[in-house]
Every structure is written in structure tokens, then in C-alpha cells.
C-alpha atoms as a PDB file:
ATOM      1  CA  MET A   1       6.189 129.572  39.941  1.00  0.00           C
ATOM      2  CA  GLY A   2       4.447 129.013  43.211  1.00  0.00           C
ATOM      3  CA  ALA A   3       6.614 129.092  46.628  1.00  0.00           C
ATOM      4  CA  SER A   4       7.780 125.775  47.692  1.00  0.00           C
ATOM      5  CA  LYS A   5       5.700 123.767  50.535  1.00  0.00           C
ATOM      6  CA  LYS A   6       7.736 123.337  53.883  1.00  0.00           C
ATOM      7  CA  PRO A   7       6.653 119.584  54.321  1.00  0.00           C
ATOM      8  CA  ALA A   8       3.345 119.325  57.227  1.00  0.00           C
ATOM      9  CA  ARG A   9       5.935 118.885  61.106  1.00  0.00           C
ATOM     10  CA  GLY A  10       2.610 117.670  62.517  1.00  0.00           C
ATOM     11  CA  SER A  11       2.482 114.164  61.136  1.00  0.00           C
ATOM     12  CA  VAL A  12       1.754 111.227  63.455  1.00  0.00           C
ATOM     13  CA  PHE A  13       5.168 109.816  63.114  1.00  0.00           C
ATOM     14  CA  PHE A  14       6.775 112.796  63.557  1.00  0.00           C
ATOM     15  CA  ARG A  15       5.339 113.199  66.710  1.00  0.00           C
ATOM     16  CA  GLU A  16       6.221 109.558  67.510  1.00  0.00           C
ATOM     17  CA  VAL A  17       9.783 109.997  66.975  1.00  0.00           C
ATOM     18  CA  VAL A  18      10.224 113.228  68.527  1.00  0.00           C
ATOM     19  CA  GLY A  19       8.368 112.081  71.245  1.00  0.00           C
ATOM     20  CA  ALA A  20      10.028 108.925  71.822  1.00  0.00           C
ATOM     21  CA  THR A  21      13.308 110.573  71.788  1.00  0.00           C
ATOM     22  CA  ALA A  22      15.220 111.258  74.801  1.00  0.00           C
ATOM     23  CA  VAL A  23      16.078 114.706  74.699  1.00  0.00           C
ATOM     24  CA  ASP A  24      14.125 117.565  72.441  1.00  0.00           C
ATOM     25  CA  PRO A  25      15.723 116.678  69.088  1.00  0.00           C
ATOM     26  CA  HIS A  26      14.412 119.918  67.659  1.00  0.00           C
ATOM     27  CA  LEU A  27      13.925 118.187  64.879  1.00  0.00           C
ATOM     28  CA  GLU A  28      11.583 120.440  63.074  1.00  0.00           C
ATOM     29  CA  ALA A  29      14.721 123.107  63.208  1.00  0.00           C
ATOM     30  CA  CYS A  30      15.879 120.908  60.821  1.00  0.00           C
ATOM     31  CA  LEU A  31      16.611 122.929  58.036  1.00  0.00           C
ATOM     32  CA  GLN A  32      17.455 120.808  54.992  1.00  0.00           C
ATOM     33  CA  CYS A  33      20.674 122.088  54.665  1.00  0.00           C
ATOM     34  CA  GLY A  34      22.511 118.488  54.358  1.00  0.00           C
ATOM     35  CA  THR A  35      25.802 119.685  56.947  1.00  0.00           C
ATOM     36  CA  CYS A  36      24.826 116.748  58.764  1.00  0.00           C
ATOM     37  CA  GLY A  37      25.041 113.959  55.505  1.00  0.00           C
ATOM     38  CA  GLY A  38      28.061 115.759  54.317  1.00  0.00           C
ATOM     39  CA  SER A  39      29.811 115.380  58.040  1.00  0.00           C
ATOM     40  CA  CYS A  40      28.934 111.705  58.487  1.00  0.00           C
ATOM     41  CA  PRO A  41      32.031 109.155  57.549  1.00  0.00           C
ATOM     42  CA  SER A  42      29.496 106.412  57.081  1.00  0.00           C
ATOM     43  CA  GLY A  43      27.637 108.987  54.886  1.00  0.00           C
ATOM     44  CA  ASN A  44      28.424 106.813  51.854  1.00  0.00           C
ATOM     45  CA  ASP A  45      26.948 103.868  52.792  1.00  0.00           C
ATOM     46  CA  MET A  46      23.724 105.567  53.575  1.00  0.00           C
ATOM     47  CA  GLU A  47      20.163 104.453  51.876  1.00  0.00           C
ATOM     48  CA  HIS A  48      18.650 108.319  52.991  1.00  0.00           C
ATOM     49  CA  THR A  49      20.950 111.046  54.292  1.00  0.00           C
ATOM     50  CA  PRO A  50      19.770 111.993  57.472  1.00  0.00           C
ATOM     51  CA  ARG A  51      18.173 115.149  55.964  1.00  0.00           C
ATOM     52  CA  THR A  52      16.196 112.981  53.244  1.00  0.00           C
ATOM     53  CA  LEU A  53      15.423 110.404  56.755  1.00  0.00           C
ATOM     54  CA  PHE A  54      13.672 113.786  58.792  1.00  0.00           C
ATOM     55  CA  ALA A  55      11.818 115.469  55.425  1.00  0.00           C
ATOM     56  CA  MET A  56      10.684 111.352  55.171  1.00  0.00           C
ATOM     57  CA  ILE A  57       9.604 111.365  59.245  1.00  0.00           C
ATOM     58  CA  ALA A  58       8.191 114.795  58.527  1.00  0.00           C
ATOM     59  CA  ALA A  59       6.116 113.195  55.313  1.00  0.00           C
ATOM     60  CA  GLY A  60       4.895 110.568  57.755  1.00  0.00           C
ATOM     61  CA  MET A  61       6.969 107.780  55.841  1.00  0.00           C
ATOM     62  CA  ARG A  62       7.249 105.227  58.737  1.00  0.00           C
ATOM     63  CA  GLU A  63       8.286 101.915  57.205  1.00  0.00           C
ATOM     64  CA  THR A  64      10.361 103.469  54.408  1.00  0.00           C
ATOM     65  CA  VAL A  65      11.703 105.268  57.221  1.00  0.00           C
ATOM     66  CA  LEU A  66      11.936 102.350  59.413  1.00  0.00           C
ATOM     67  CA  ARG A  67      13.659  99.958  57.022  1.00  0.00           C
ATOM     68  CA  SER A  68      16.424 102.117  56.179  1.00  0.00           C
ATOM     69  CA  ASN A  69      19.540 101.437  56.696  1.00  0.00           C
ATOM     70  CA  THR A  70      20.436 104.720  58.012  1.00  0.00           C
ATOM     71  CA  PRO A  71      20.079 104.563  61.376  1.00  0.00           C
ATOM     72  CA  TRP A  72      22.618 101.132  61.467  1.00  0.00           C
ATOM     73  CA  TYR A  73      25.011 103.215  59.592  1.00  0.00           C
ATOM     74  CA  CYS A  74      25.460 105.880  62.101  1.00  0.00           C
ATOM     75  CA  VAL A  75      28.465 105.425  64.384  1.00  0.00           C
ATOM     76  CA  SER A  76      27.618 108.248  66.945  1.00  0.00           C
ATOM     77  CA  CYS A  77      30.210 110.448  66.008  1.00  0.00           C
ATOM     78  CA  TYR A  78      28.439 113.299  67.329  1.00  0.00           C
ATOM     79  CA  TYR A  79      30.706 115.121  64.352  1.00  0.00           C
ATOM     80  CA  CYS A  80      26.709 115.924  62.713  1.00  0.00           C
ATOM     81  CA  MET A  81      25.154 116.941  65.866  1.00  0.00           C
ATOM     82  CA  GLU A  82      28.613 119.402  66.275  1.00  0.00           C
ATOM     83  CA  ARG A  83      28.005 120.583  62.858  1.00  0.00           C
ATOM     84  CA  CYS A  84      24.190 121.099  62.442  1.00  0.00           C
ATOM     85  CA  PRO A  85      23.386 125.263  62.271  1.00  0.00           C
ATOM     86  CA  GLN A  86      20.353 124.232  64.166  1.00  0.00           C
ATOM     87  CA  GLU A  87      21.574 121.981  67.047  1.00  0.00           C
ATOM     88  CA  VAL A  88      19.035 119.328  66.089  1.00  0.00           C
ATOM     89  CA  HIS A  89      20.023 116.180  68.156  1.00  0.00           C
ATOM     90  CA  ILE A  90      20.513 113.864  64.797  1.00  0.00           C
ATOM     91  CA  THR A  91      22.216 110.956  66.366  1.00  0.00           C
ATOM     92  CA  ASP A  92      19.412 110.753  69.347  1.00  0.00           C
ATOM     93  CA  VAL A  93      16.777 110.697  66.833  1.00  0.00           C
ATOM     94  CA  MET A  94      19.537 107.670  65.063  1.00  0.00           C
ATOM     95  CA  TYR A  95      19.025 106.269  68.638  1.00  0.00           C
ATOM     96  CA  THR A  96      15.013 106.515  68.586  1.00  0.00           C
ATOM     97  CA  LEU A  97      15.024 105.090  64.794  1.00  0.00           C
ATOM     98  CA  LYS A  98      16.816 102.115  65.883  1.00  0.00           C
ATOM     99  CA  ARG A  99      14.669 101.164  68.705  1.00  0.00           C
ATOM    100  CA  LEU A 100      11.304 101.505  66.361  1.00  0.00           C
ATOM    101  CA  ALA A 101      12.982  99.572  63.655  1.00  0.00           C
ATOM    102  CA  ILE A 102      13.964  96.514  66.792  1.00  0.00           C
ATOM    103  CA  LYS A 103      10.374  97.077  68.858  1.00  0.00           C
ATOM    104  CA  GLU A 104       8.007  97.180  65.150  1.00  0.00           C
ATOM    105  CA  GLY A 105      10.101  94.135  64.025  1.00  0.00           C
ATOM    106  CA  PHE A 106      11.857  96.090  60.173  1.00  0.00           C
ATOM    107  CA  SER A 107      14.819  95.667  61.744  1.00  0.00           C
ATOM    108  CA  ARG A 108      15.105  92.378  59.812  1.00  0.00           C
ATOM    109  CA  GLN A 109      13.984  94.368  56.370  1.00  0.00           C
ATOM    110  CA  SER A 110      16.719  97.263  56.461  1.00  0.00           C
ATOM    111  CA  SER A 111      19.745  96.400  54.082  1.00  0.00           C
ATOM    112  CA  ALA A 112      21.550  96.594  57.292  1.00  0.00           C
ATOM    113  CA  ALA A 113      19.315  93.133  58.272  1.00  0.00           C
ATOM    114  CA  GLN A 114      22.237  92.521  60.821  1.00  0.00           C
ATOM    115  CA  ALA A 115      22.899  95.713  62.051  1.00  0.00           C
ATOM    116  CA  PRO A 116      20.770  94.675  65.566  1.00  0.00           C
ATOM    117  CA  ALA A 117      22.388  91.434  66.151  1.00  0.00           C
ATOM    118  CA  PHE A 118      25.379  93.305  65.873  1.00  0.00           C
ATOM    119  CA  SER A 119      24.363  95.846  68.374  1.00  0.00           C
ATOM    120  CA  GLU A 120      23.145  93.364  71.137  1.00  0.00           C
ATOM    121  CA  THR A 121      26.869  91.577  70.484  1.00  0.00           C
ATOM    122  CA  PHE A 122      28.544  94.714  71.081  1.00  0.00           C
ATOM    123  CA  MET A 123      26.694  95.700  74.059  1.00  0.00           C
ATOM    124  CA  GLU A 124      27.179  92.249  76.395  1.00  0.00           C
ATOM    125  CA  HIS A 125      30.421  93.292  75.710  1.00  0.00           C
ATOM    126  CA  VAL A 126      30.617  96.358  77.010  1.00  0.00           C
ATOM    127  CA  GLU A 127      28.049  95.488  80.325  1.00  0.00           C
ATOM    128  CA  ARG A 128      29.977  92.469  80.726  1.00  0.00           C
ATOM    129  CA  TYR A 129      34.073  93.981  80.157  1.00  0.00           C
ATOM    130  CA  GLY A 130      32.990  97.633  80.018  1.00  0.00           C
ATOM    131  CA  ARG A 131      34.636  97.856  76.797  1.00  0.00           C
ATOM    132  CA  SER A 132      34.958  96.661  73.326  1.00  0.00           C
ATOM    133  CA  PHE A 133      36.087  92.837  73.196  1.00  0.00           C
ATOM    134  CA  GLU A 134      37.172  92.822  69.437  1.00  0.00           C
ATOM    135  CA  LEU A 135      37.964  88.909  68.848  1.00  0.00           C
ATOM    136  CA  GLY A 136      35.030  87.989  71.361  1.00  0.00           C
ATOM    137  CA  LEU A 137      32.720  90.431  69.312  1.00  0.00           C
ATOM    138  CA  ILE A 138      33.881  89.667  65.994  1.00  0.00           C
ATOM    139  CA  THR A 139      34.453  85.398  66.621  1.00  0.00           C
ATOM    140  CA  ARG A 140      30.237  85.392  68.730  1.00  0.00           C
ATOM    141  CA  TYR A 141      28.230  87.963  66.312  1.00  0.00           C
ATOM    142  CA  PHE A 142      29.667  85.609  63.456  1.00  0.00           C
ATOM    143  CA  LEU A 143      29.273  82.042  65.343  1.00  0.00           C
ATOM    144  CA  ARG A 144      26.001  83.416  66.479  1.00  0.00           C
ATOM    145  CA  HIS A 145      24.269  85.313  63.518  1.00  0.00           C
ATOM    146  CA  ARG A 146      26.243  84.420  60.602  1.00  0.00           C
ATOM    147  CA  PRO A 147      28.124  80.944  60.590  1.00  0.00           C
ATOM    148  CA  LEU A 148      28.855  79.718  57.735  1.00  0.00           C
ATOM    149  CA  ASP A 149      30.604  83.254  56.996  1.00  0.00           C
ATOM    150  CA  THR A 150      32.802  82.372  59.590  1.00  0.00           C
ATOM    151  CA  VAL A 151      35.290  80.700  57.372  1.00  0.00           C
ATOM    152  CA  LYS A 152      35.331  83.449  55.414  1.00  0.00           C
ATOM    153  CA  ILE A 153      37.073  86.165  57.505  1.00  0.00           C
ATOM    154  CA  ALA A 154      39.776  83.625  60.061  1.00  0.00           C
ATOM    155  CA  PRO A 155      42.029  84.897  57.355  1.00  0.00           C
ATOM    156  CA  ILE A 156      41.621  88.172  58.392  1.00  0.00           C
ATOM    157  CA  GLY A 157      41.679  87.602  62.582  1.00  0.00           C
ATOM    158  CA  ALA A 158      44.791  85.328  61.585  1.00  0.00           C
ATOM    159  CA  GLY A 159      46.488  88.835  60.276  1.00  0.00           C
ATOM    160  CA  MET A 160      45.502  90.801  62.767  1.00  0.00           C
ATOM    161  CA  LEU A 161      46.799  88.979  65.849  1.00  0.00           C
ATOM    162  CA  ARG A 162      50.311  88.340  63.853  1.00  0.00           C
ATOM    163  CA  ARG A 163      50.219  92.092  64.624  1.00  0.00           C
ATOM    164  CA  LYS A 164      48.905  91.944  67.701  1.00  0.00           C
ATOM    165  CA  ARG A 165      46.496  93.994  66.654  1.00  0.00           C
ATOM    166  CA  PHE A 166      43.822  92.864  69.415  1.00  0.00           C
ATOM    167  CA  ASP A 167      43.889  90.830  72.598  1.00  0.00           C
ATOM    168  CA  LEU A 168      43.607  87.092  73.419  1.00  0.00           C
ATOM    169  CA  THR A 169      41.515  87.775  76.601  1.00  0.00           C
ATOM    170  CA  PRO A 170      38.897  90.337  77.860  1.00  0.00           C
ATOM    171  CA  ARG A 171      40.089  92.349  79.979  1.00  0.00           C
ATOM    172  CA  LYS A 172      37.794  94.528  82.391  1.00  0.00           C
ATOM    173  CA  ILE A 173      37.877  97.731  82.845  1.00  0.00           C
ATOM    174  CA  ARG A 174      38.197  98.928  86.632  1.00  0.00           C
ATOM    175  CA  GLN A 175      35.463 100.256  89.369  1.00  0.00           C
ATOM    176  CA  ILE A 176      32.871  97.899  86.120  1.00  0.00           C
ATOM    177  CA  GLU A 177      29.921  97.971  88.811  1.00  0.00           C
ATOM    178  CA  GLN A 178      29.624 101.981  88.522  1.00  0.00           C
ATOM    179  CA  LEU A 179      28.949 101.439  84.450  1.00  0.00           C
ATOM    180  CA  GLN A 180      27.023  99.020  84.785  1.00  0.00           C
ATOM    181  CA  ALA A 181      24.862 100.481  87.639  1.00  0.00           C
ATOM    182  CA  ILE A 182      24.637 103.429  84.915  1.00  0.00           C
ATOM    183  CA  LEU A 183      23.526 101.227  82.029  1.00  0.00           C
ATOM    184  CA  ALA A 184      21.123  99.153  84.416  1.00  0.00           C
ATOM    185  CA  ARG A 185      19.412 102.900  85.499  1.00  0.00           C
ATOM    186  CA  ALA A 186      19.723 103.867  81.595  1.00  0.00           C
ATOM    187  CA  ASP A 187      18.187 100.738  80.723  1.00  0.00           C
ATOM    188  CA  GLU A 188      15.350 101.379  83.405  1.00  0.00           C
ATOM    189  CA  LEU A 189      14.705 105.070  82.124  1.00  0.00           C
ATOM    190  CA  GLU A 190      14.279 104.057  78.493  1.00  0.00           C
ATOM    191  CA  ARG A 191      11.954 101.552  79.749  1.00  0.00           C
ATOM    192  CA  ASN A 192       9.631 103.692  81.841  1.00  0.00           C
ATOM    193  CA  ALA A 193       9.500 106.373  79.200  1.00  0.00           C
ATOM    194  CA  TYR A 194       7.689 103.551  76.895  1.00  0.00           C
ATOM    195  CA  ARG A 195       4.910 103.351  79.691  1.00  0.00           C
ATOM    196  CA  VAL A 196       4.156 106.643  79.061  1.00  0.00           C
END
């Protein structure tokens, strides 16, 4: 039996992902140990574990990676990064893959095709109020993107209201202007990163 060949880290797609990630993700250091996938609370819903996705990136499997639902199920808890023995910036890579998938139109071909729309609706609420407003988030998302399914979720919403699990009206955080300035600056930095 011959020695197993380590995946080439020089694929064009690998370099693109590393270059488009805000910080050096140390992706080349991935040992394929599986700690990330084993730590992930959303791992069971993902088509590919993060380590599989990283191997596919190294192999240059661009379309398969950008169509994968894996980045969309990442809940940004950073637990994978905390446990990674190589300090790979897994969550940052997931954000990069989401941006690339949206930019190139692959996000709509994912089994999590509604995730970008949900993410956009969530961010609109964070930008406006500084926090999530669950009732508004779900209502707006379903009315905008899945209007026929709104009736199906109404009983769940009614039950949550009875139990006072969410507010009827949104509440802004104090000093919302500071958060909005930070978000505007982050947006500017991201736009500038793509110009390089």
C-alpha cells in the first residue's frame, strides 16, 4: 500500500477562499481530524461536515462546495473554532462561502435555498433594532419569501404568544447609532476587500 496523498492546497478555489476570508483562516493547517463536525450543533443537518467541505475546497470542487447547505447551517457559535487543534478559522470560512455562493447565484441551488433570504431578513432587524425581533422576523420572512406557508406556522406563533415567548413589538437597544456605525464600517470594509 502506498502512502496516502495529501490534498493539494494550491487549487485556484482554495486560494480564492483563503484570499476572500477576512482573516487568514489557516485552512492549510486542517488535519481532517473531524473535531469541527463532531462539535457542531447543526452537524446532523449539514450535507457535508466542515472537514469534508475543506477537503473539497482543496480539491477545487467549487460548484459542489458553493451549492452545499453546510455554510447555511452554521449557527456561528464558534464552538468548532474553540475546539480545533490547528486553530482553523472555520466560522470565518463559512461566512466566506456564503458570500461567494450568493455572489455567484449558487445559494439558490442549495438544499438550504431559503437560508440567504432568512439571513437577509434577520440582518435587517439587527440593523434596525440592534437585536432580533422574532415575531417580525418570522412574519416578514414568510410573507416575503414563503407566503403560502404562513398559514402553516400560524398555530406555532399563536402558542408562543400565549406562553409569552416573544414580544409583540420590537425594542431597540440603547445607543443603536453606535452599532449602526460599526455595521456600516464592516460593510465598507467588505466592499473594499472585493475590489482588491
